[in-house]
């Protein structure tokens, strides 16, 4: 997926995939420090290819935590409203608009299965504008590429 980048950008991204803290450990891309190269090179820093440096929490390592994803279909005129409601919820970690009729793919992490059930837009009482909602609990992480 890096083929759309020039050689220097590819090197920067590959080094950061291997070690996101690389800019603090003195590694170089070409003749420049990685930190300087990312900021100065329009292909990576300025173009937004590298969106952020962050801490990734593995909820499966936290006792009782539950990860899941929802597939949600909304009425056409309520898609934006449902999306905004989901974005405001702290347990929702990702919201994607996907192909299909007014569909959303939503990832969430909750402290327990009871908390997860409360999140479900079709749970105890259906949320306004939600046509259907399915929830799948994530049992284990087999492959998860962050870059």
Foldseek 3Di string as FASTA:
>chain_A
DCVVADPLVVVLVVVCLVPVCQLVVQDARPPHRSVVCQCPPCRHNVVCVPVDDDDDDDQVVPPAKWKKKKKWAFDPVCLVVVVVVLVPDPQWDDWDQDDDHSIIITIGMDNHVVVVLVVWCPHPHHPPGTPDMDMDIDPDDDDDRPD
